[in-house]
């Protein structure tokens, strides 16, 4: 994959993944790939995700704030779950738009415009 994404980490999977958000974060970081970027949502143990990203050889660990701006990240937790996921999706698409796969799609006439992203995020 071109981008690993961890949207959020909650305590609903403690029986399987661990007793704390940090333990669950280490498990979820198993999707990180060497030489590829990763994106994490706001509701994650960032220091854990950062150390796991380094351990896995992630090129860049992105956050919502680093992609969409700090003002978006500051208001993020007051948003409902669906809206939070929309911001994660917007961030992921923005990161992916710089990849070779998206560039090849553009050469074939397939484009994902900002208005298409906005329209898609409205349909939850």
Foldseek 3Di string as FASTA:
>chain_A
DQEAEALAFDQPPCVPQHRDLLSNLLVSLVPAAAPHEYEYELHGPVVSNVVSNVVRNHPYYHYLCNQVNPVCNVCLVVDDPLVSVLSSVVSVVSVCCPDPVVVVCVVVVHHCDPVNSVVVSVPD
